[in-house]
Amino acid sequence: MPLHPHRLKTRGFNQAAEIARHVACPESLNGAHVLLIDDVLTTGASLSACAEVLRHAGSRRIDVAVLARTPEPGHA
């Protein structure tokens, strides 16, 4: 997932890019099976938007892996 430039400056690295570097997809996504990786799932809106872009780019299958999930409101 893209990291906001301010966050990148604060952290000094993009954790998602570091993970993806080891499992990067090919340049062409036409017919590709893509693994979309995120560190924390909040609402799922960002993952849905990324999956939609990947579908429009020709990916035939998109799987999602997340490391953690924020608690639902009222369930903290």
N, C-alpha and C. Protein backbone atom coordinates (compact mmCIF):
# COMPACT_ATOMS: atom_id res chain seq x y z
N MET A 1 0.85 -1.17 0.00
CA MET A 1 0.00 0.00 0.00
C MET A 1 0.89 1.23 0.00
N PRO A 2 0.50 2.22 -0.76
CA PRO A 2 1.29 3.45 -0.76
C PRO A 2 1.30 4.10 0.63
N LEU A 3 2.41 4.70 0.97
CA LEU A 3 2.57 5.37 2.25
C LEU A 3 2.53 6.87 2.02
N HIS A 4 1.79 7.59 2.85
CA HIS A 4 1.72 9.04 2.72
C HIS A 4 3.13 9.62 2.86
N PRO A 5 3.50 10.60 2.03
CA PRO A 5 4.85 11.18 2.09
C PRO A 5 5.26 11.66 3.48
N HIS A 6 4.32 12.23 4.25
CA HIS A 6 4.64 12.68 5.61
C HIS A 6 5.02 11.49 6.49
N ARG A 7 4.26 10.40 6.38
CA ARG A 7 4.56 9.19 7.15
C ARG A 7 5.93 8.63 6.77
N LEU A 8 6.22 8.64 5.46
CA LEU A 8 7.50 8.14 4.99
C LEU A 8 8.64 8.95 5.58
N LYS A 9 8.48 10.27 5.62
CA LYS A 9 9.52 11.14 6.17
C LYS A 9 9.70 10.88 7.66
N THR A 10 8.59 10.67 8.38
CA THR A 10 8.65 10.41 9.82
C THR A 10 9.32 9.08 10.13
N ARG A 11 8.91 8.02 9.41
CA ARG A 11 9.45 6.67 9.66
C ARG A 11 10.82 6.46 9.06
N GLY A 12 11.04 7.05 7.90
CA GLY A 12 12.31 6.85 7.22
C GLY A 12 12.32 5.64 6.30
N PHE A 13 11.26 4.88 6.27
CA PHE A 13 11.15 3.73 5.37
C PHE A 13 9.68 3.39 5.18
N ASN A 14 9.40 2.66 4.11
CA ASN A 14 8.04 2.22 3.81
C ASN A 14 7.98 0.72 4.08
N GLN A 15 7.34 0.33 5.17
CA GLN A 15 7.33 -1.08 5.57
C GLN A 15 6.67 -1.97 4.52
N ALA A 16 5.62 -1.49 3.87
CA ALA A 16 4.95 -2.29 2.85
C ALA A 16 5.86 -2.49 1.64
N ALA A 17 6.61 -1.47 1.26
CA ALA A 17 7.55 -1.61 0.15
C ALA A 17 8.66 -2.59 0.49
N GLU A 18 9.11 -2.60 1.73
CA GLU A 18 10.14 -3.54 2.14
C GLU A 18 9.66 -4.98 2.05
N ILE A 19 8.40 -5.22 2.45
CA ILE A 19 7.82 -6.56 2.34
C ILE A 19 7.65 -6.93 0.87
N ALA A 20 7.10 -6.03 0.09
CA ALA A 20 6.80 -6.30 -1.32
C ALA A 20 8.06 -6.53 -2.15
N ARG A 21 9.16 -5.94 -1.74
CA ARG A 21 10.41 -6.10 -2.49
C ARG A 21 10.76 -7.58 -2.66
N HIS A 22 10.39 -8.40 -1.70
CA HIS A 22 10.74 -9.82 -1.74
C HIS A 22 9.72 -10.69 -2.48
N VAL A 23 8.55 -10.15 -2.76
CA VAL A 23 7.51 -10.93 -3.44
C VAL A 23 6.88 -10.13 -4.58
N ALA A 24 7.65 -9.22 -5.20
CA ALA A 24 7.12 -8.31 -6.21
C ALA A 24 6.50 -9.04 -7.40
N CYS A 25 5.42 -8.48 -7.94
CA CYS A 25 4.73 -9.03 -9.14
C CYS A 25 5.45 -8.60 -10.40
N PRO A 26 5.19 -9.28 -11.57
CA PRO A 26 5.82 -8.87 -12.83
C PRO A 26 5.26 -7.53 -13.31
N GLU A 27 5.93 -6.91 -14.28
CA GLU A 27 5.50 -5.61 -14.77
C GLU A 27 4.11 -5.65 -15.39
N SER A 28 3.80 -6.70 -16.15
CA SER A 28 2.49 -6.82 -16.76
C SER A 28 1.55 -7.55 -15.81
N LEU A 29 0.39 -6.98 -15.58
CA LEU A 29 -0.59 -7.60 -14.69
C LEU A 29 -1.67 -8.36 -15.44
N ASN A 30 -1.59 -8.36 -16.76
CA ASN A 30 -2.60 -9.03 -17.57
C ASN A 30 -2.64 -10.52 -17.26
N GLY A 31 -3.74 -10.97 -16.65
CA GLY A 31 -3.90 -12.37 -16.28
C GLY A 31 -3.14 -12.79 -15.03
N ALA A 32 -2.53 -11.86 -14.35
CA ALA A 32 -1.68 -12.18 -13.19
C ALA A 32 -2.50 -12.52 -11.95
N HIS A 33 -1.90 -13.32 -11.10
CA HIS A 33 -2.41 -13.61 -9.75
C HIS A 33 -1.59 -12.73 -8.83
N VAL A 34 -2.26 -11.78 -8.15
CA VAL A 34 -1.57 -10.77 -7.35
C VAL A 34 -1.86 -10.98 -5.87
N LEU A 35 -0.81 -10.87 -5.05
CA LEU A 35 -0.97 -10.87 -3.60
C LEU A 35 -0.80 -9.43 -3.14
N LEU A 36 -1.86 -8.85 -2.62
CA LEU A 36 -1.86 -7.48 -2.12
C LEU A 36 -1.59 -7.55 -0.62
N ILE A 37 -0.51 -6.90 -0.18
CA ILE A 37 -0.07 -7.00 1.22
C ILE A 37 -0.23 -5.64 1.90
N ASP A 38 -0.80 -5.66 3.12
CA ASP A 38 -0.93 -4.44 3.92
C ASP A 38 -0.55 -4.78 5.35
N ASP A 39 -0.04 -3.80 6.08
CA ASP A 39 0.36 -4.06 7.46
C ASP A 39 -0.83 -4.07 8.41
N VAL A 40 -1.76 -3.12 8.26
CA VAL A 40 -2.91 -3.03 9.17
C VAL A 40 -4.19 -2.80 8.37
N LEU A 41 -5.21 -3.60 8.62
CA LEU A 41 -6.52 -3.42 8.01
C LEU A 41 -7.36 -2.56 8.94
N THR A 42 -7.84 -1.45 8.42
CA THR A 42 -8.71 -0.58 9.22
C THR A 42 -10.14 -0.75 8.72
N THR A 43 -10.51 -0.08 7.64
CA THR A 43 -11.87 -0.21 7.10
C THR A 43 -11.92 -1.11 5.88
N GLY A 44 -10.79 -1.31 5.24
CA GLY A 44 -10.74 -2.10 4.02
C GLY A 44 -10.91 -1.25 2.77
N ALA A 45 -11.17 0.04 2.93
CA ALA A 45 -11.39 0.92 1.78
C ALA A 45 -10.15 1.02 0.89
N SER A 46 -8.97 1.14 1.48
CA SER A 46 -7.75 1.25 0.69
C SER A 46 -7.48 -0.04 -0.08
N LEU A 47 -7.67 -1.17 0.58
CA LEU A 47 -7.46 -2.45 -0.08
C LEU A 47 -8.45 -2.65 -1.22
N SER A 48 -9.69 -2.24 -1.02
CA SER A 48 -10.70 -2.34 -2.08
C SER A 48 -10.33 -1.48 -3.27
N ALA A 49 -9.85 -0.27 -3.00
CA ALA A 49 -9.45 0.64 -4.08
C ALA A 49 -8.27 0.06 -4.86
N CYS A 50 -7.30 -0.47 -4.14
CA CYS A 50 -6.14 -1.07 -4.81
C CYS A 50 -6.55 -2.28 -5.63
N ALA A 51 -7.41 -3.12 -5.09
CA ALA A 51 -7.88 -4.30 -5.82
C ALA A 51 -8.61 -3.89 -7.09
N GLU A 52 -9.39 -2.83 -7.02
CA GLU A 52 -10.11 -2.35 -8.20
C GLU A 52 -9.13 -1.90 -9.29
N VAL A 53 -8.09 -1.18 -8.90
CA VAL A 53 -7.07 -0.74 -9.86
C VAL A 53 -6.38 -1.95 -10.48
N LEU A 54 -6.06 -2.95 -9.67
CA LEU A 54 -5.42 -4.16 -10.18
C LEU A 54 -6.33 -4.91 -11.15
N ARG A 55 -7.63 -4.97 -10.84
CA ARG A 55 -8.59 -5.62 -11.76
C ARG A 55 -8.63 -4.89 -13.10
N HIS A 56 -8.66 -3.57 -13.05
CA HIS A 56 -8.68 -2.79 -14.29
C HIS A 56 -7.37 -2.92 -15.07
N ALA A 57 -6.29 -3.25 -14.38
CA ALA A 57 -4.99 -3.44 -15.04
C ALA A 57 -4.85 -4.84 -15.62
N GLY A 58 -5.86 -5.70 -15.38
CA GLY A 58 -5.86 -7.02 -16.01
C GLY A 58 -5.62 -8.19 -15.10
N SER A 59 -5.46 -7.97 -13.80
CA SER A 59 -5.24 -9.09 -12.89
C SER A 59 -6.45 -10.02 -12.90
N ARG A 60 -6.20 -11.32 -12.96
CA ARG A 60 -7.31 -12.27 -12.99
C ARG A 60 -7.70 -12.72 -11.58
N ARG A 61 -6.75 -12.66 -10.63
CA ARG A 61 -7.04 -13.05 -9.25
C ARG A 61 -6.25 -12.14 -8.31
N ILE A 62 -6.91 -11.69 -7.25
CA ILE A 62 -6.27 -10.82 -6.27
C ILE A 62 -6.54 -11.39 -4.88
N ASP A 63 -5.48 -11.74 -4.17
CA ASP A 63 -5.59 -12.18 -2.79
C ASP A 63 -5.03 -11.08 -1.91
N VAL A 64 -5.50 -11.02 -0.66
CA VAL A 64 -5.07 -9.99 0.27
C VAL A 64 -4.50 -10.65 1.52
N ALA A 65 -3.36 -10.14 1.99
CA ALA A 65 -2.77 -10.58 3.25
C ALA A 65 -2.52 -9.35 4.11
N VAL A 66 -2.95 -9.40 5.36
CA VAL A 66 -2.70 -8.31 6.30
C VAL A 66 -2.08 -8.87 7.56
N LEU A 67 -1.26 -8.06 8.20
CA LEU A 67 -0.58 -8.48 9.42
C LEU A 67 -1.47 -8.30 10.65
N ALA A 68 -2.23 -7.22 10.68
CA ALA A 68 -3.06 -6.93 11.85
C ALA A 68 -4.34 -6.22 11.42
N ARG A 69 -5.31 -6.20 12.31
CA ARG A 69 -6.58 -5.52 12.05
C ARG A 69 -6.93 -4.65 13.25
N THR A 70 -7.40 -3.45 12.97
CA THR A 70 -7.85 -2.59 14.07
C THR A 70 -9.17 -3.14 14.60
N PRO A 71 -9.44 -2.98 15.88
CA PRO A 71 -10.70 -3.48 16.42
C PRO A 71 -11.89 -2.71 15.88
N GLU A 72 -13.02 -3.39 15.77
CA GLU A 72 -14.24 -2.73 15.34
C GLU A 72 -14.67 -1.76 16.44
N PRO A 73 -15.35 -0.66 16.06
CA PRO A 73 -15.80 0.29 17.07
C PRO A 73 -16.63 -0.40 18.15
N GLY A 74 -16.33 -0.09 19.39
CA GLY A 74 -17.07 -0.70 20.51
C GLY A 74 -16.54 -2.04 20.94
N HIS A 75 -15.48 -2.56 20.27
CA HIS A 75 -14.92 -3.86 20.63
C HIS A 75 -13.45 -3.76 21.01
N ALA A 76 -13.01 -2.63 21.48
CA ALA A 76 -11.60 -2.42 21.80
C ALA A 76 -11.20 -3.19 23.05
